[in-house]
Amino acid sequence: MGWLIDPKERSVFVMGIDRTFQIIDEPKTVLPVPEFAKEIQLTVERIFSWINKS
């Protein structure tokens, strides 16, 4: 599983463990995480709020 974060497009490209791909750009969407991290609930909006603070 991996994420590629595109700050210019404000989207997250997600590669799943099953080798599927998706682009997530809806701010309230919770990003998928591996099973061991299922308690983590990160949204696209939260990721970009951290990026914008730096």
PDB file of N, CA and C in Angstrom:
ATOM      1  N   MET A   1       0.843  -1.169   0.000  1.00  0.00           N
ATOM      2  CA  MET A   1       0.000   0.000   0.000  1.00  0.00           C
ATOM      3  C   MET A   1       0.887   1.229   0.000  1.00  0.00           C
ATOM      4  N   GLY A   2       0.476   2.225  -0.745  1.00  0.00           N
ATOM      5  CA  GLY A   2       1.229   3.465  -0.773  1.00  0.00           C
ATOM      6  C   GLY A   2       0.361   4.645  -1.181  1.00  0.00           C
ATOM      7  N   TRP A   3       0.787   5.810  -0.771  1.00  0.00           N
ATOM      8  CA  TRP A   3       0.116   7.057  -1.146  1.00  0.00           C
ATOM      9  C   TRP A   3       1.120   7.935  -1.880  1.00  0.00           C
ATOM     10  N   LEU A   4       0.655   8.598  -2.898  1.00  0.00           N
ATOM     11  CA  LEU A   4       1.418   9.647  -3.553  1.00  0.00           C
ATOM     12  C   LEU A   4       0.569  10.903  -3.439  1.00  0.00           C
ATOM     13  N   ILE A   5       1.067  11.886  -2.715  1.00  0.00           N
ATOM     14  CA  ILE A   5       0.310  13.106  -2.428  1.00  0.00           C
ATOM     15  C   ILE A   5       0.688  14.176  -3.447  1.00  0.00           C
ATOM     16  N   ASP A   6      -0.323  14.722  -4.121  1.00  0.00           N
ATOM     17  CA  ASP A   6      -0.105  15.769  -5.122  1.00  0.00           C
ATOM     18  C   ASP A   6      -0.676  17.079  -4.581  1.00  0.00           C
ATOM     19  N   PRO A   7       0.176  17.924  -3.987  1.00  0.00           N
ATOM     20  CA  PRO A   7      -0.323  19.168  -3.394  1.00  0.00           C
ATOM     21  C   PRO A   7      -0.899  20.143  -4.420  1.00  0.00           C
ATOM     22  N   LYS A   8      -0.388  20.119  -5.637  1.00  0.00           N
ATOM     23  CA  LYS A   8      -0.899  21.027  -6.662  1.00  0.00           C
ATOM     24  C   LYS A   8      -2.349  20.688  -7.019  1.00  0.00           C
ATOM     25  N   GLU A   9      -2.646  19.411  -7.157  1.00  0.00           N
ATOM     26  CA  GLU A   9      -4.003  18.959  -7.487  1.00  0.00           C
ATOM     27  C   GLU A   9      -4.854  18.692  -6.253  1.00  0.00           C
ATOM     28  N   ARG A  10      -4.227  18.747  -5.083  1.00  0.00           N
ATOM     29  CA  ARG A  10      -4.908  18.440  -3.805  1.00  0.00           C
ATOM     30  C   ARG A  10      -5.598  17.071  -3.891  1.00  0.00           C
ATOM     31  N   SER A  11      -4.814  16.098  -4.324  1.00  0.00           N
ATOM     32  CA  SER A  11      -5.330  14.742  -4.450  1.00  0.00           C
ATOM     33  C   SER A  11      -4.299  13.759  -3.911  1.00  0.00           C
ATOM     34  N   VAL A  12      -4.788  12.556  -3.625  1.00  0.00           N
ATOM     35  CA  VAL A  12      -3.923  11.485  -3.142  1.00  0.00           C
ATOM     36  C   VAL A  12      -4.124  10.286  -4.064  1.00  0.00           C
ATOM     37  N   PHE A  13      -3.042   9.838  -4.653  1.00  0.00           N
ATOM     38  CA  PHE A  13      -3.048   8.654  -5.501  1.00  0.00           C
ATOM     39  C   PHE A  13      -2.745   7.480  -4.580  1.00  0.00           C
ATOM     40  N   VAL A  14      -3.639   6.508  -4.540  1.00  0.00           N
ATOM     41  CA  VAL A  14      -3.508   5.379  -3.622  1.00  0.00           C
ATOM     42  C   VAL A  14      -3.291   4.099  -4.415  1.00  0.00           C
ATOM     43  N   MET A  15      -2.231   3.368  -4.042  1.00  0.00           N
ATOM     44  CA  MET A  15      -2.027   2.039  -4.585  1.00  0.00           C
ATOM     45  C   MET A  15      -2.331   1.061  -3.458  1.00  0.00           C
ATOM     46  N   GLY A  16      -3.347   0.224  -3.656  1.00  0.00           N
ATOM     47  CA  GLY A  16      -3.752  -0.732  -2.640  1.00  0.00           C
ATOM     48  C   GLY A  16      -2.863  -1.956  -2.603  1.00  0.00           C
ATOM     49  N   ILE A  17      -3.007  -2.749  -1.548  1.00  0.00           N
ATOM     50  CA  ILE A  17      -2.191  -3.954  -1.417  1.00  0.00           C
ATOM     51  C   ILE A  17      -2.527  -4.977  -2.500  1.00  0.00           C
ATOM     52  N   ASP A  18      -3.708  -4.842  -3.087  1.00  0.00           N
ATOM     53  CA  ASP A  18      -4.100  -5.742  -4.173  1.00  0.00           C
ATOM     54  C   ASP A  18      -3.735  -5.170  -5.548  1.00  0.00           C
ATOM     55  N   ARG A  19      -2.879  -4.154  -5.535  1.00  0.00           N
ATOM     56  CA  ARG A  19      -2.366  -3.490  -6.750  1.00  0.00           C
ATOM     57  C   ARG A  19      -3.434  -2.721  -7.527  1.00  0.00           C
ATOM     58  N   THR A  20      -4.485  -2.335  -6.849  1.00  0.00           N
ATOM     59  CA  THR A  20      -5.470  -1.457  -7.468  1.00  0.00           C
ATOM     60  C   THR A  20      -5.041  -0.018  -7.229  1.00  0.00           C
ATOM     61  N   PHE A  21      -5.501   0.867  -8.088  1.00  0.00           N
ATOM     62  CA  PHE A  21      -5.161   2.281  -7.987  1.00  0.00           C
ATOM     63  C   PHE A  21      -6.427   3.109  -7.910  1.00  0.00           C
ATOM     64  N   GLN A  22      -6.349   4.191  -7.160  1.00  0.00           N
ATOM     65  CA  GLN A  22      -7.448   5.153  -7.145  1.00  0.00           C
ATOM     66  C   GLN A  22      -6.896   6.539  -6.835  1.00  0.00           C
ATOM     67  N   ILE A  23      -7.586   7.536  -7.312  1.00  0.00           N
ATOM     68  CA  ILE A  23      -7.238   8.917  -7.011  1.00  0.00           C
ATOM     69  C   ILE A  23      -8.353   9.461  -6.138  1.00  0.00           C
ATOM     70  N   ILE A  24      -7.965   9.980  -4.987  1.00  0.00           N
ATOM     71  CA  ILE A  24      -8.943  10.509  -4.041  1.00  0.00           C
ATOM     72  C   ILE A  24      -8.706  12.006  -3.919  1.00  0.00           C
ATOM     73  N   ASP A  25      -9.762  12.780  -4.187  1.00  0.00           N
ATOM     74  CA  ASP A  25      -9.637  14.230  -4.093  1.00  0.00           C
ATOM     75  C   ASP A  25     -10.779  14.894  -3.345  1.00  0.00           C
ATOM     76  N   GLU A  26     -11.701  14.109  -2.841  1.00  0.00           N
ATOM     77  CA  GLU A  26     -12.795  14.659  -2.034  1.00  0.00           C
ATOM     78  C   GLU A  26     -12.273  14.920  -0.615  1.00  0.00           C
ATOM     79  N   PRO A  27     -12.380  16.155  -0.111  1.00  0.00           N
ATOM     80  CA  PRO A  27     -11.771  16.510   1.171  1.00  0.00           C
ATOM     81  C   PRO A  27     -12.193  15.637   2.367  1.00  0.00           C
ATOM     82  N   LYS A  28     -13.419  15.213   2.429  1.00  0.00           N
ATOM     83  CA  LYS A  28     -13.911  14.458   3.596  1.00  0.00           C
ATOM     84  C   LYS A  28     -13.679  12.950   3.487  1.00  0.00           C
ATOM     85  N   THR A  29     -13.107  12.484   2.378  1.00  0.00           N
ATOM     86  CA  THR A  29     -12.884  11.061   2.181  1.00  0.00           C
ATOM     87  C   THR A  29     -11.781  10.564   3.109  1.00  0.00           C
ATOM     88  N   VAL A  30     -12.062   9.473   3.824  1.00  0.00           N
ATOM     89  CA  VAL A  30     -11.066   8.846   4.681  1.00  0.00           C
ATOM     90  C   VAL A  30     -10.177   7.977   3.797  1.00  0.00           C
ATOM     91  N   LEU A  31      -8.881   8.178   3.930  1.00  0.00           N
ATOM     92  CA  LEU A  31      -7.925   7.444   3.111  1.00  0.00           C
ATOM     93  C   LEU A  31      -7.776   6.004   3.600  1.00  0.00           C
ATOM     94  N   PRO A  32      -7.638   5.069   2.675  1.00  0.00           N
ATOM     95  CA  PRO A  32      -7.429   3.679   3.079  1.00  0.00           C
ATOM     96  C   PRO A  32      -6.049   3.515   3.713  1.00  0.00           C
ATOM     97  N   VAL A  33      -5.981   2.620   4.694  1.00  0.00           N
ATOM     98  CA  VAL A  33      -4.729   2.316   5.386  1.00  0.00           C
ATOM     99  C   VAL A  33      -4.585   0.802   5.492  1.00  0.00           C
ATOM    100  N   PRO A  34      -3.370   0.309   5.742  1.00  0.00           N
ATOM    101  CA  PRO A  34      -3.198  -1.130   5.932  1.00  0.00           C
ATOM    102  C   PRO A  34      -3.960  -1.607   7.176  1.00  0.00           C
ATOM    103  N   GLU A  35      -4.236  -2.876   7.233  1.00  0.00           N
ATOM    104  CA  GLU A  35      -5.003  -3.461   8.333  1.00  0.00           C
ATOM    105  C   GLU A  35      -4.401  -3.138   9.707  1.00  0.00           C
ATOM    106  N   PHE A  36      -3.072  -3.156   9.823  1.00  0.00           N
ATOM    107  CA  PHE A  36      -2.442  -2.911  11.120  1.00  0.00           C
ATOM    108  C   PHE A  36      -2.639  -1.470  11.610  1.00  0.00           C
ATOM    109  N   ALA A  37      -3.038  -0.557  10.721  1.00  0.00           N
ATOM    110  CA  ALA A  37      -3.223   0.856  11.075  1.00  0.00           C
ATOM    111  C   ALA A  37      -4.678   1.278  10.966  1.00  0.00           C
ATOM    112  N   LYS A  38      -5.593   0.327  11.053  1.00  0.00           N
ATOM    113  CA  LYS A  38      -7.007   0.627  10.792  1.00  0.00           C
ATOM    114  C   LYS A  38      -7.615   1.657  11.746  1.00  0.00           C
ATOM    115  N   GLU A  39      -6.971   1.907  12.888  1.00  0.00           N
ATOM    116  CA  GLU A  39      -7.490   2.924  13.813  1.00  0.00           C
ATOM    117  C   GLU A  39      -7.259   4.339  13.302  1.00  0.00           C
ATOM    118  N   ILE A  40      -6.329   4.483  12.370  1.00  0.00           N
ATOM    119  CA  ILE A  40      -6.001   5.805  11.828  1.00  0.00           C
ATOM    120  C   ILE A  40      -7.085   6.220  10.836  1.00  0.00           C
ATOM    121  N   GLN A  41      -7.637   7.376  11.049  1.00  0.00           N
ATOM    122  CA  GLN A  41      -8.697   7.904  10.183  1.00  0.00           C
ATOM    123  C   GLN A  41      -8.240   9.248   9.611  1.00  0.00           C
ATOM    124  N   LEU A  42      -7.440   9.202   8.558  1.00  0.00           N
ATOM    125  CA  LEU A  42      -6.956  10.421   7.922  1.00  0.00           C
ATOM    126  C   LEU A  42      -7.802  10.745   6.701  1.00  0.00           C
ATOM    127  N   THR A  43      -8.174  12.003   6.595  1.00  0.00           N
ATOM    128  CA  THR A  43      -8.912  12.456   5.420  1.00  0.00           C
ATOM    129  C   THR A  43      -7.979  13.250   4.511  1.00  0.00           C
ATOM    130  N   VAL A  44      -8.400  13.412   3.284  1.00  0.00           N
ATOM    131  CA  VAL A  44      -7.654  14.232   2.330  1.00  0.00           C
ATOM    132  C   VAL A  44      -7.510  15.648   2.902  1.00  0.00           C
ATOM    133  N   GLU A  45      -8.578  16.160   3.456  1.00  0.00           N
ATOM    134  CA  GLU A  45      -8.575  17.500   4.045  1.00  0.00           C
ATOM    135  C   GLU A  45      -7.517  17.634   5.139  1.00  0.00           C
ATOM    136  N   ARG A  46      -7.393  16.641   5.996  1.00  0.00           N
ATOM    137  CA  ARG A  46      -6.425  16.674   7.098  1.00  0.00           C
ATOM    138  C   ARG A  46      -4.997  16.651   6.562  1.00  0.00           C
ATOM    139  N   ILE A  47      -4.738  15.805   5.586  1.00  0.00           N
ATOM    140  CA  ILE A  47      -3.395  15.731   4.989  1.00  0.00           C
ATOM    141  C   ILE A  47      -2.979  17.100   4.454  1.00  0.00           C
ATOM    142  N   PHE A  48      -3.874  17.738   3.701  1.00  0.00           N
ATOM    143  CA  PHE A  48      -3.519  19.021   3.098  1.00  0.00           C
ATOM    144  C   PHE A  48      -3.498  20.164   4.098  1.00  0.00           C
ATOM    145  N   SER A  49      -4.202  20.034   5.195  1.00  0.00           N
ATOM    146  CA  SER A  49      -4.094  21.074   6.235  1.00  0.00           C
ATOM    147  C   SER A  49      -2.707  21.025   6.855  1.00  0.00           C
ATOM    148  N   TRP A  50      -2.116  19.838   7.001  1.00  0.00           N
ATOM    149  CA  TRP A  50      -0.740  19.724   7.517  1.00  0.00           C
ATOM    150  C   TRP A  50       0.251  20.283   6.522  1.00  0.00           C
ATOM    151  N   ILE A  51       0.057  19.989   5.255  1.00  0.00           N
ATOM    152  CA  ILE A  51       0.989  20.468   4.225  1.00  0.00           C
ATOM    153  C   ILE A  51       0.947  21.993   4.146  1.00  0.00           C
ATOM    154  N   ASN A  52      -0.235  22.566   4.252  1.00  0.00           N
ATOM    155  CA  ASN A  52      -0.375  24.027   4.144  1.00  0.00           C
ATOM    156  C   ASN A  52       0.223  24.767   5.323  1.00  0.00           C
ATOM    157  N   LYS A  53       0.399  24.097   6.464  1.00  0.00           N
ATOM    158  CA  LYS A  53       0.988  24.756   7.646  1.00  0.00           C
ATOM    159  C   LYS A  53       2.486  24.926   7.519  1.00  0.00           C
ATOM    160  N   SER A  54       3.123  24.147   6.657  1.00  0.00           N
ATOM    161  CA  SER A  54       4.589  24.226   6.560  1.00  0.00           C
ATOM    162  C   SER A  54       5.036  25.267   5.573  1.00  0.00           C
TER     163      SER A  54
END
